[in-house]
Amino acid sequence: MLVKEGITELTTAQLKSAMDKVEEELHAIIFMYKMDKSRYGRIIEEKENDVLEGQDTFPKTVADACWVLSRWKNKYGNKDTRLTEANNGMAFVTTCSAKKG
């Protein structure tokens, strides 16, 4: 972050400012990861894929994250909770038989 701004010699104020920005970004990322995975799982996957491609599209503040999430519409329209990324249609059944003896 400081290299992008061309800062090589840090003052105490610049270091504090940079640390505050990093902390704010971290809070925004944690906020995103704590959201309901069935509703917002897809947006987090998209943000992670963007990072892998060299683009950091995660919101930089919690306020920005709230704004993005409040307007997010997944491909299911946030209406039917049965049709989400968290529920991909797989089901498991466990059966047991008790022998009386």
PDB file of N, CA and C in Angstrom:
ATOM      1  N   MET A   1       0.831  -1.185   0.000  1.00  0.00           N
ATOM      2  CA  MET A   1       0.000   0.000   0.000  1.00  0.00           C
ATOM      3  C   MET A   1       0.875   1.249   0.000  1.00  0.00           C
ATOM      4  N   LEU A   2       1.882   1.265   0.843  1.00  0.00           N
ATOM      5  CA  LEU A   2       2.759   2.435   0.906  1.00  0.00           C
ATOM      6  C   LEU A   2       3.628   2.546  -0.339  1.00  0.00           C
ATOM      7  N   VAL A   3       4.015   1.427  -0.899  1.00  0.00           N
ATOM      8  CA  VAL A   3       4.824   1.443  -2.115  1.00  0.00           C
ATOM      9  C   VAL A   3       4.035   2.073  -3.253  1.00  0.00           C
ATOM     10  N   LYS A   4       2.733   1.773  -3.336  1.00  0.00           N
ATOM     11  CA  LYS A   4       1.889   2.367  -4.373  1.00  0.00           C
ATOM     12  C   LYS A   4       1.847   3.880  -4.262  1.00  0.00           C
ATOM     13  N   GLU A   5       1.919   4.376  -3.037  1.00  0.00           N
ATOM     14  CA  GLU A   5       1.902   5.818  -2.813  1.00  0.00           C
ATOM     15  C   GLU A   5       3.286   6.443  -2.931  1.00  0.00           C
ATOM     16  N   GLY A   6       4.291   5.626  -3.167  1.00  0.00           N
ATOM     17  CA  GLY A   6       5.648   6.136  -3.342  1.00  0.00           C
ATOM     18  C   GLY A   6       6.335   6.509  -2.041  1.00  0.00           C
ATOM     19  N   ILE A   7       5.898   5.958  -0.922  1.00  0.00           N
ATOM     20  CA  ILE A   7       6.478   6.271   0.378  1.00  0.00           C
ATOM     21  C   ILE A   7       7.495   5.194   0.734  1.00  0.00           C
ATOM     22  N   THR A   8       8.734   5.607   0.959  1.00  0.00           N
ATOM     23  CA  THR A   8       9.770   4.656   1.344  1.00  0.00           C
ATOM     24  C   THR A   8      10.265   4.911   2.770  1.00  0.00           C
ATOM     25  N   GLU A   9      10.315   6.152   3.176  1.00  0.00           N
ATOM     26  CA  GLU A   9      10.702   6.523   4.537  1.00  0.00           C
ATOM     27  C   GLU A   9       9.442   6.906   5.303  1.00  0.00           C
ATOM     28  N   LEU A  10       9.114   6.126   6.312  1.00  0.00           N
ATOM     29  CA  LEU A  10       7.873   6.341   7.042  1.00  0.00           C
ATOM     30  C   LEU A  10       8.055   7.247   8.254  1.00  0.00           C
ATOM     31  N   THR A  11       7.071   8.096   8.447  1.00  0.00           N
ATOM     32  CA  THR A  11       6.988   8.828   9.705  1.00  0.00           C
ATOM     33  C   THR A  11       6.028   8.037  10.595  1.00  0.00           C
ATOM     34  N   THR A  12       6.002   8.359  11.851  1.00  0.00           N
ATOM     35  CA  THR A  12       5.097   7.677  12.775  1.00  0.00           C
ATOM     36  C   THR A  12       3.645   7.883  12.364  1.00  0.00           C
ATOM     37  N   ALA A  13       3.305   9.074  11.936  1.00  0.00           N
ATOM     38  CA  ALA A  13       1.929   9.372  11.513  1.00  0.00           C
ATOM     39  C   ALA A  13       1.547   8.564  10.274  1.00  0.00           C
ATOM     40  N   GLN A  14       2.467   8.440   9.324  1.00  0.00           N
ATOM     41  CA  GLN A  14       2.183   7.663   8.114  1.00  0.00           C
ATOM     42  C   GLN A  14       2.014   6.179   8.444  1.00  0.00           C
ATOM     43  N   LEU A  15       2.839   5.680   9.349  1.00  0.00           N
ATOM     44  CA  LEU A  15       2.728   4.284   9.753  1.00  0.00           C
ATOM     45  C   LEU A  15       1.397   4.031  10.444  1.00  0.00           C
ATOM     46  N   LYS A  16       0.994   4.924  11.339  1.00  0.00           N
ATOM     47  CA  LYS A  16      -0.287   4.786  12.036  1.00  0.00           C
ATOM     48  C   LYS A  16      -1.440   4.834  11.040  1.00  0.00           C
ATOM     49  N   SER A  17      -1.389   5.758  10.093  1.00  0.00           N
ATOM     50  CA  SER A  17      -2.435   5.869   9.084  1.00  0.00           C
ATOM     51  C   SER A  17      -2.532   4.592   8.245  1.00  0.00           C
ATOM     52  N   ALA A  18      -1.390   4.050   7.858  1.00  0.00           N
ATOM     53  CA  ALA A  18      -1.373   2.819   7.065  1.00  0.00           C
ATOM     54  C   ALA A  18      -1.921   1.648   7.865  1.00  0.00           C
ATOM     55  N   MET A  19      -1.554   1.551   9.124  1.00  0.00           N
ATOM     56  CA  MET A  19      -2.045   0.470   9.975  1.00  0.00           C
ATOM     57  C   MET A  19      -3.559   0.590  10.188  1.00  0.00           C
ATOM     58  N   ASP A  20      -4.058   1.817  10.328  1.00  0.00           N
ATOM     59  CA  ASP A  20      -5.499   2.035  10.476  1.00  0.00           C
ATOM     60  C   ASP A  20      -6.254   1.582   9.228  1.00  0.00           C
ATOM     61  N   LYS A  21      -5.695   1.867   8.041  1.00  0.00           N
ATOM     62  CA  LYS A  21      -6.332   1.444   6.788  1.00  0.00           C
ATOM     63  C   LYS A  21      -6.354  -0.077   6.676  1.00  0.00           C
ATOM     64  N   VAL A  22      -5.250  -0.695   7.037  1.00  0.00           N
ATOM     65  CA  VAL A  22      -5.164  -2.158   6.976  1.00  0.00           C
ATOM     66  C   VAL A  22      -6.170  -2.784   7.941  1.00  0.00           C
ATOM     67  N   GLU A  23      -6.280  -2.235   9.142  1.00  0.00           N
ATOM     68  CA  GLU A  23      -7.227  -2.751  10.133  1.00  0.00           C
ATOM     69  C   GLU A  23      -8.670  -2.596   9.645  1.00  0.00           C
ATOM     70  N   GLU A  24      -8.959  -1.470   9.027  1.00  0.00           N
ATOM     71  CA  GLU A  24     -10.303  -1.221   8.509  1.00  0.00           C
ATOM     72  C   GLU A  24     -10.642  -2.213   7.385  1.00  0.00           C
ATOM     73  N   GLU A  25      -9.671  -2.482   6.502  1.00  0.00           N
ATOM     74  CA  GLU A  25      -9.879  -3.460   5.435  1.00  0.00           C
ATOM     75  C   GLU A  25     -10.105  -4.850   6.010  1.00  0.00           C
ATOM     76  N   LEU A  26      -9.331  -5.197   7.032  1.00  0.00           N
ATOM     77  CA  LEU A  26      -9.476  -6.502   7.666  1.00  0.00           C
ATOM     78  C   LEU A  26     -10.869  -6.658   8.268  1.00  0.00           C
ATOM     79  N   HIS A  27     -11.361  -5.631   8.931  1.00  0.00           N
ATOM     80  CA  HIS A  27     -12.707  -5.681   9.508  1.00  0.00           C
ATOM     81  C   HIS A  27     -13.760  -5.872   8.416  1.00  0.00           C
ATOM     82  N   ALA A  28     -13.588  -5.207   7.284  1.00  0.00           N
ATOM     83  CA  ALA A  28     -14.536  -5.348   6.175  1.00  0.00           C
ATOM     84  C   ALA A  28     -14.530  -6.773   5.625  1.00  0.00           C
ATOM     85  N   ILE A  29     -13.345  -7.359   5.502  1.00  0.00           N
ATOM     86  CA  ILE A  29     -13.247  -8.731   4.986  1.00  0.00           C
ATOM     87  C   ILE A  29     -13.856  -9.720   5.975  1.00  0.00           C
ATOM     88  N   ILE A  30     -13.566  -9.553   7.256  1.00  0.00           N
ATOM     89  CA  ILE A  30     -14.155 -10.425   8.277  1.00  0.00           C
ATOM     90  C   ILE A  30     -15.674 -10.293   8.259  1.00  0.00           C
ATOM     91  N   PHE A  31     -16.156  -9.075   8.132  1.00  0.00           N
ATOM     92  CA  PHE A  31     -17.601  -8.827   8.065  1.00  0.00           C
ATOM     93  C   PHE A  31     -18.219  -9.609   6.907  1.00  0.00           C
ATOM     94  N   MET A  32     -17.563  -9.575   5.746  1.00  0.00           N
ATOM     95  CA  MET A  32     -18.078 -10.295   4.572  1.00  0.00           C
ATOM     96  C   MET A  32     -18.118 -11.805   4.840  1.00  0.00           C
ATOM     97  N   TYR A  33     -17.057 -12.337   5.446  1.00  0.00           N
ATOM     98  CA  TYR A  33     -16.990 -13.773   5.698  1.00  0.00           C
ATOM     99  C   TYR A  33     -17.964 -14.238   6.779  1.00  0.00           C
ATOM    100  N   LYS A  34     -18.440 -13.353   7.620  1.00  0.00           N
ATOM    101  CA  LYS A  34     -19.386 -13.716   8.674  1.00  0.00           C
ATOM    102  C   LYS A  34     -20.840 -13.674   8.205  1.00  0.00           C
ATOM    103  N   MET A  35     -21.070 -13.251   6.984  1.00  0.00           N
ATOM    104  CA  MET A  35     -22.434 -13.171   6.461  1.00  0.00           C
ATOM    105  C   MET A  35     -22.986 -14.569   6.178  1.00  0.00           C
ATOM    106  N   ASP A  36     -24.286 -14.639   6.012  1.00  0.00           N
ATOM    107  CA  ASP A  36     -25.005 -15.874   5.727  1.00  0.00           C
ATOM    108  C   ASP A  36     -24.499 -16.481   4.419  1.00  0.00           C
ATOM    109  N   LYS A  37     -23.896 -17.665   4.502  1.00  0.00           N
ATOM    110  CA  LYS A  37     -23.310 -18.309   3.319  1.00  0.00           C
ATOM    111  C   LYS A  37     -24.367 -18.706   2.290  1.00  0.00           C
ATOM    112  N   SER A  38     -25.569 -19.054   2.748  1.00  0.00           N
ATOM    113  CA  SER A  38     -26.591 -19.456   1.785  1.00  0.00           C
ATOM    114  C   SER A  38     -27.055 -18.272   0.948  1.00  0.00           C
ATOM    115  N   ARG A  39     -26.965 -17.078   1.488  1.00  0.00           N
ATOM    116  CA  ARG A  39     -27.410 -15.893   0.756  1.00  0.00           C
ATOM    117  C   ARG A  39     -26.261 -15.182   0.043  1.00  0.00           C
ATOM    118  N   TYR A  40     -25.088 -15.097   0.689  1.00  0.00           N
ATOM    119  CA  TYR A  40     -23.988 -14.303   0.155  1.00  0.00           C
ATOM    120  C   TYR A  40     -22.761 -15.123  -0.232  1.00  0.00           C
ATOM    121  N   GLY A  41     -22.870 -16.439  -0.230  1.00  0.00           N
ATOM    122  CA  GLY A  41     -21.721 -17.286  -0.548  1.00  0.00           C
ATOM    123  C   GLY A  41     -21.156 -17.030  -1.934  1.00  0.00           C
ATOM    124  N   ARG A  42     -22.031 -16.762  -2.880  1.00  0.00           N
ATOM    125  CA  ARG A  42     -21.592 -16.560  -4.268  1.00  0.00           C
ATOM    126  C   ARG A  42     -20.749 -15.294  -4.431  1.00  0.00           C
ATOM    127  N   ILE A  43     -21.127 -14.213  -3.752  1.00  0.00           N
ATOM    128  CA  ILE A  43     -20.372 -12.969  -3.891  1.00  0.00           C
ATOM    129  C   ILE A  43     -18.969 -13.116  -3.291  1.00  0.00           C
ATOM    130  N   ILE A  44     -18.879 -13.856  -2.197  1.00  0.00           N
ATOM    131  CA  ILE A  44     -17.564 -14.070  -1.583  1.00  0.00           C
ATOM    132  C   ILE A  44     -16.688 -14.902  -2.515  1.00  0.00           C
ATOM    133  N   GLU A  45     -17.261 -15.923  -3.151  1.00  0.00           N
ATOM    134  CA  GLU A  45     -16.505 -16.712  -4.129  1.00  0.00           C
ATOM    135  C   GLU A  45     -16.013 -15.830  -5.277  1.00  0.00           C
ATOM    136  N   GLU A  46     -16.865 -14.940  -5.755  1.00  0.00           N
ATOM    137  CA  GLU A  46     -16.467 -14.037  -6.841  1.00  0.00           C
ATOM    138  C   GLU A  46     -15.316 -13.132  -6.410  1.00  0.00           C
ATOM    139  N   LYS A  47     -15.386 -12.607  -5.191  1.00  0.00           N
ATOM    140  CA  LYS A  47     -14.319 -11.736  -4.687  1.00  0.00           C
ATOM    141  C   LYS A  47     -13.016 -12.516  -4.548  1.00  0.00           C
ATOM    142  N   GLU A  48     -13.099 -13.756  -4.051  1.00  0.00           N
ATOM    143  CA  GLU A  48     -11.900 -14.592  -3.928  1.00  0.00           C
ATOM    144  C   GLU A  48     -11.293 -14.878  -5.298  1.00  0.00           C
ATOM    145  N   ASN A  49     -12.129 -15.177  -6.283  1.00  0.00           N
ATOM    146  CA  ASN A  49     -11.636 -15.431  -7.637  1.00  0.00           C
ATOM    147  C   ASN A  49     -10.994 -14.182  -8.227  1.00  0.00           C
ATOM    148  N   ASP A  50     -11.560 -13.013  -7.944  1.00  0.00           N
ATOM    149  CA  ASP A  50     -10.959 -11.764  -8.413  1.00  0.00           C
ATOM    150  C   ASP A  50      -9.556 -11.591  -7.843  1.00  0.00           C
ATOM    151  N   VAL A  51      -9.382 -11.925  -6.562  1.00  0.00           N
ATOM    152  CA  VAL A  51      -8.063 -11.804  -5.927  1.00  0.00           C
ATOM    153  C   VAL A  51      -7.078 -12.742  -6.614  1.00  0.00           C
ATOM    154  N   LEU A  52      -7.512 -13.954  -6.947  1.00  0.00           N
ATOM    155  CA  LEU A  52      -6.638 -14.900  -7.648  1.00  0.00           C
ATOM    156  C   LEU A  52      -6.209 -14.379  -9.012  1.00  0.00           C
ATOM    157  N   GLU A  53      -7.064 -13.563  -9.626  1.00  0.00           N
ATOM    158  CA  GLU A  53      -6.757 -12.985 -10.936  1.00  0.00           C
ATOM    159  C   GLU A  53      -5.993 -11.674 -10.824  1.00  0.00           C
ATOM    160  N   GLY A  54      -5.651 -11.270  -9.606  1.00  0.00           N
ATOM    161  CA  GLY A  54      -4.868 -10.055  -9.429  1.00  0.00           C
ATOM    162  C   GLY A  54      -5.675  -8.790  -9.224  1.00  0.00           C
ATOM    163  N   GLN A  55      -6.972  -8.931  -9.011  1.00  0.00           N
ATOM    164  CA  GLN A  55      -7.836  -7.767  -8.780  1.00  0.00           C
ATOM    165  C   GLN A  55      -8.411  -7.877  -7.376  1.00  0.00           C
ATOM    166  N   ASP A  56      -8.180  -6.885  -6.553  1.00  0.00           N
ATOM    167  CA  ASP A  56      -8.734  -6.893  -5.198  1.00  0.00           C
ATOM    168  C   ASP A  56     -10.026  -6.096  -5.203  1.00  0.00           C
ATOM    169  N   THR A  57     -11.153  -6.807  -5.264  1.00  0.00           N
ATOM    170  CA  THR A  57     -12.452  -6.143  -5.327  1.00  0.00           C
ATOM    171  C   THR A  57     -13.207  -6.201  -4.004  1.00  0.00           C
ATOM    172  N   PHE A  58     -12.563  -6.715  -2.941  1.00  0.00           N
ATOM    173  CA  PHE A  58     -13.219  -6.713  -1.632  1.00  0.00           C
ATOM    174  C   PHE A  58     -13.448  -5.273  -1.194  1.00  0.00           C
ATOM    175  N   PRO A  59     -14.575  -5.002  -0.554  1.00  0.00           N
ATOM    176  CA  PRO A  59     -14.819  -3.655  -0.027  1.00  0.00           C
ATOM    177  C   PRO A  59     -13.736  -3.276   0.985  1.00  0.00           C
ATOM    178  N   LYS A  60     -13.407  -1.995   1.052  1.00  0.00           N
ATOM    179  CA  LYS A  60     -12.320  -1.525   1.914  1.00  0.00           C
ATOM    180  C   LYS A  60     -12.791  -1.076   3.290  1.00  0.00           C
ATOM    181  N   THR A  61     -14.096  -0.882   3.465  1.00  0.00           N
ATOM    182  CA  THR A  61     -14.634  -0.496   4.768  1.00  0.00           C
ATOM    183  C   THR A  61     -15.878  -1.335   5.049  1.00  0.00           C
ATOM    184  N   VAL A  62     -16.253  -1.418   6.314  1.00  0.00           N
ATOM    185  CA  VAL A  62     -17.467  -2.142   6.686  1.00  0.00           C
ATOM    186  C   VAL A  62     -18.693  -1.461   6.068  1.00  0.00           C
ATOM    187  N   ALA A  63     -18.671  -0.144   6.011  1.00  0.00           N
ATOM    188  CA  ALA A  63     -19.790   0.584   5.391  1.00  0.00           C
ATOM    189  C   ALA A  63     -19.923   0.214   3.918  1.00  0.00           C
ATOM    190  N   ASP A  64     -18.800   0.121   3.210  1.00  0.00           N
ATOM    191  CA  ASP A  64     -18.844  -0.295   1.803  1.00  0.00           C
ATOM    192  C   ASP A  64     -19.356  -1.726   1.673  1.00  0.00           C
ATOM    193  N   ALA A  65     -18.928  -2.605   2.587  1.00  0.00           N
ATOM    194  CA  ALA A  65     -19.385  -3.999   2.555  1.00  0.00           C
ATOM    195  C   ALA A  65     -20.895  -4.067   2.773  1.00  0.00           C
ATOM    196  N   CYS A  66     -21.411  -3.278   3.708  1.00  0.00           N
ATOM    197  CA  CYS A  66     -22.864  -3.228   3.950  1.00  0.00           C
ATOM    198  C   CYS A  66     -23.595  -2.766   2.696  1.00  0.00           C
ATOM    199  N   TRP A  67     -23.061  -1.755   2.036  1.00  0.00           N
ATOM    200  CA  TRP A  67     -23.689  -1.218   0.836  1.00  0.00           C
ATOM    201  C   TRP A  67     -23.739  -2.282  -0.255  1.00  0.00           C
ATOM    202  N   VAL A  68     -22.620  -2.978  -0.465  1.00  0.00           N
ATOM    203  CA  VAL A  68     -22.553  -4.013  -1.501  1.00  0.00           C
ATOM    204  C   VAL A  68     -23.520  -5.153  -1.181  1.00  0.00           C
ATOM    205  N   LEU A  69     -23.496  -5.634   0.059  1.00  0.00           N
ATOM    206  CA  LEU A  69     -24.344  -6.765   0.428  1.00  0.00           C
ATOM    207  C   LEU A  69     -25.825  -6.417   0.407  1.00  0.00           C
ATOM    208  N   SER A  70     -26.157  -5.182   0.742  1.00  0.00           N
ATOM    209  CA  SER A  70     -27.568  -4.794   0.739  1.00  0.00           C
ATOM    210  C   SER A  70     -28.151  -4.740  -0.668  1.00  0.00           C
ATOM    211  N   ARG A  71     -27.309  -4.636  -1.665  1.00  0.00           N
ATOM    212  CA  ARG A  71     -27.766  -4.571  -3.054  1.00  0.00           C
ATOM    213  C   ARG A  71     -27.479  -5.850  -3.842  1.00  0.00           C
ATOM    214  N   TRP A  72     -26.870  -6.833  -3.180  1.00  0.00           N
ATOM    215  CA  TRP A  72     -26.487  -8.071  -3.844  1.00  0.00           C
ATOM    216  C   TRP A  72     -27.711  -8.915  -4.155  1.00  0.00           C
ATOM    217  N   LYS A  73     -27.750  -9.439  -5.361  1.00  0.00           N
ATOM    218  CA  LYS A  73     -28.781 -10.377  -5.758  1.00  0.00           C
ATOM    219  C   LYS A  73     -28.082 -11.597  -6.335  1.00  0.00           C
ATOM    220  N   ASN A  74     -28.281 -12.741  -5.680  1.00  0.00           N
ATOM    221  CA  ASN A  74     -27.664 -13.939  -6.232  1.00  0.00           C
ATOM    222  C   ASN A  74     -28.509 -14.457  -7.384  1.00  0.00           C
ATOM    223  N   LYS A  75     -28.042 -15.478  -8.048  1.00  0.00           N
ATOM    224  CA  LYS A  75     -28.747 -15.950  -9.244  1.00  0.00           C
ATOM    225  C   LYS A  75     -30.096 -16.581  -8.937  1.00  0.00           C
ATOM    226  N   TYR A  76     -30.394 -16.813  -7.661  1.00  0.00           N
ATOM    227  CA  TYR A  76     -31.688 -17.355  -7.266  1.00  0.00           C
ATOM    228  C   TYR A  76     -32.636 -16.266  -6.794  1.00  0.00           C
ATOM    229  N   GLY A  77     -32.206 -15.025  -6.798  1.00  0.00           N
ATOM    230  CA  GLY A  77     -33.063 -13.918  -6.422  1.00  0.00           C
ATOM    231  C   GLY A  77     -33.320 -13.772  -4.935  1.00  0.00           C
ATOM    232  N   ASN A  78     -32.535 -14.463  -4.087  1.00  0.00           N
ATOM    233  CA  ASN A  78     -32.667 -14.381  -2.628  1.00  0.00           C
ATOM    234  C   ASN A  78     -34.057 -14.766  -2.137  1.00  0.00           C
ATOM    235  N   LYS A  79     -34.808 -15.545  -2.925  1.00  0.00           N
ATOM    236  CA  LYS A  79     -36.180 -15.860  -2.540  1.00  0.00           C
ATOM    237  C   LYS A  79     -36.324 -17.274  -2.019  1.00  0.00           C
ATOM    238  N   ASP A  80     -35.802 -18.222  -2.731  1.00  0.00           N
ATOM    239  CA  ASP A  80     -35.991 -19.621  -2.376  1.00  0.00           C
ATOM    240  C   ASP A  80     -34.727 -20.148  -1.712  1.00  0.00           C
ATOM    241  N   THR A  81     -34.782 -20.360  -0.412  1.00  0.00           N
ATOM    242  CA  THR A  81     -33.584 -20.783   0.302  1.00  0.00           C
ATOM    243  C   THR A  81     -33.200 -22.229  -0.008  1.00  0.00           C
ATOM    244  N   ARG A  82     -34.095 -22.996  -0.638  1.00  0.00           N
ATOM    245  CA  ARG A  82     -33.730 -24.355  -1.025  1.00  0.00           C
ATOM    246  C   ARG A  82     -32.765 -24.343  -2.205  1.00  0.00           C
ATOM    247  N   LEU A  83     -32.811 -23.282  -3.036  1.00  0.00           N
ATOM    248  CA  LEU A  83     -31.989 -23.208  -4.236  1.00  0.00           C
ATOM    249  C   LEU A  83     -30.856 -22.218  -4.031  1.00  0.00           C
ATOM    250  N   THR A  84     -29.843 -22.655  -3.359  1.00  0.00           N
ATOM    251  CA  THR A  84     -28.704 -21.778  -3.097  1.00  0.00           C
ATOM    252  C   THR A  84     -27.416 -22.536  -3.322  1.00  0.00           C
ATOM    253  N   GLU A  85     -26.319 -21.811  -3.269  1.00  0.00           N
ATOM    254  CA  GLU A  85     -25.011 -22.446  -3.406  1.00  0.00           C
ATOM    255  C   GLU A  85     -24.733 -23.373  -2.223  1.00  0.00           C
ATOM    256  N   ALA A  86     -25.288 -23.048  -1.047  1.00  0.00           N
ATOM    257  CA  ALA A  86     -25.059 -23.872   0.133  1.00  0.00           C
ATOM    258  C   ALA A  86     -25.813 -25.199   0.047  1.00  0.00           C
ATOM    259  N   ASN A  87     -26.874 -25.249  -0.747  1.00  0.00           N
ATOM    260  CA  ASN A  87     -27.659 -26.460  -0.907  1.00  0.00           C
ATOM    261  C   ASN A  87     -27.583 -26.854  -2.366  1.00  0.00           C
ATOM    262  N   ASN A  88     -26.662 -27.739  -2.699  1.00  0.00           N
ATOM    263  CA  ASN A  88     -26.443 -28.082  -4.102  1.00  0.00           C
ATOM    264  C   ASN A  88     -27.237 -29.301  -4.551  1.00  0.00           C
ATOM    265  N   GLY A  89     -28.238 -29.725  -3.765  1.00  0.00           N
ATOM    266  CA  GLY A  89     -29.095 -30.816  -4.175  1.00  0.00           C
ATOM    267  C   GLY A  89     -28.692 -32.179  -3.654  1.00  0.00           C
ATOM    268  N   MET A  90     -27.560 -32.284  -2.974  1.00  0.00           N
ATOM    269  CA  MET A  90     -27.129 -33.564  -2.443  1.00  0.00           C
ATOM    270  C   MET A  90     -27.837 -33.837  -1.125  1.00  0.00           C
ATOM    271  N   ALA A  91     -28.185 -35.084  -0.915  1.00  0.00           N
ATOM    272  CA  ALA A  91     -28.830 -35.479   0.334  1.00  0.00           C
ATOM    273  C   ALA A  91     -28.253 -36.818   0.772  1.00  0.00           C
ATOM    274  N   PHE A  92     -28.181 -37.013   2.059  1.00  0.00           N
ATOM    275  CA  PHE A  92     -27.682 -38.261   2.609  1.00  0.00           C
ATOM    276  C   PHE A  92     -28.733 -38.816   3.571  1.00  0.00           C
ATOM    277  N   VAL A  93     -28.889 -40.134   3.537  1.00  0.00           N
ATOM    278  CA  VAL A  93     -29.848 -40.788   4.420  1.00  0.00           C
ATOM    279  C   VAL A  93     -29.108 -41.857   5.205  1.00  0.00           C
ATOM    280  N   THR A  94     -29.375 -41.908   6.483  1.00  0.00           N
ATOM    281  CA  THR A  94     -28.793 -42.946   7.332  1.00  0.00           C
ATOM    282  C   THR A  94     -29.918 -43.845   7.802  1.00  0.00           C
ATOM    283  N   THR A  95     -29.729 -45.120   7.598  1.00  0.00           N
ATOM    284  CA  THR A  95     -30.731 -46.086   8.067  1.00  0.00           C
ATOM    285  C   THR A  95     -30.078 -47.057   9.011  1.00  0.00           C
ATOM    286  N   CYS A  96     -30.863 -47.567   9.918  1.00  0.00           N
ATOM    287  CA  CYS A  96     -30.333 -48.610  10.792  1.00  0.00           C
ATOM    288  C   CYS A  96     -31.465 -49.562  11.095  1.00  0.00           C
ATOM    289  N   SER A  97     -31.115 -50.778  11.285  1.00  0.00           N
ATOM    290  CA  SER A  97     -32.134 -51.775  11.632  1.00  0.00           C
ATOM    291  C   SER A  97     -31.773 -52.349  12.987  1.00  0.00           C
ATOM    292  N   ALA A  98     -32.739 -52.413  13.794  1.00  0.00           N
ATOM    293  CA  ALA A  98     -32.526 -52.971  15.141  1.00  0.00           C
ATOM    294  C   ALA A  98     -33.055 -54.387  15.176  1.00  0.00           C
ATOM    295  N   LYS A  99     -32.222 -55.295  15.636  1.00  0.00           N
ATOM    296  CA  LYS A  99     -32.643 -56.702  15.753  1.00  0.00           C
ATOM    297  C   LYS A  99     -33.117 -56.942  17.159  1.00  0.00           C
ATOM    298  N   LYS A 100     -34.271 -57.542  17.253  1.00  0.00           N
ATOM    299  CA  LYS A 100     -34.790 -57.925  18.567  1.00  0.00           C
ATOM    300  C   LYS A 100     -34.389 -59.363  18.816  1.00  0.00           C
ATOM    301  N   GLY A 101     -33.909 -59.581  19.954  1.00  0.00           N
ATOM    302  CA  GLY A 101     -33.451 -60.932  20.151  1.00  0.00           C
ATOM    303  C   GLY A 101     -33.537 -61.444  21.486  1.00  0.00           C
TER     304      GLY A 101
END
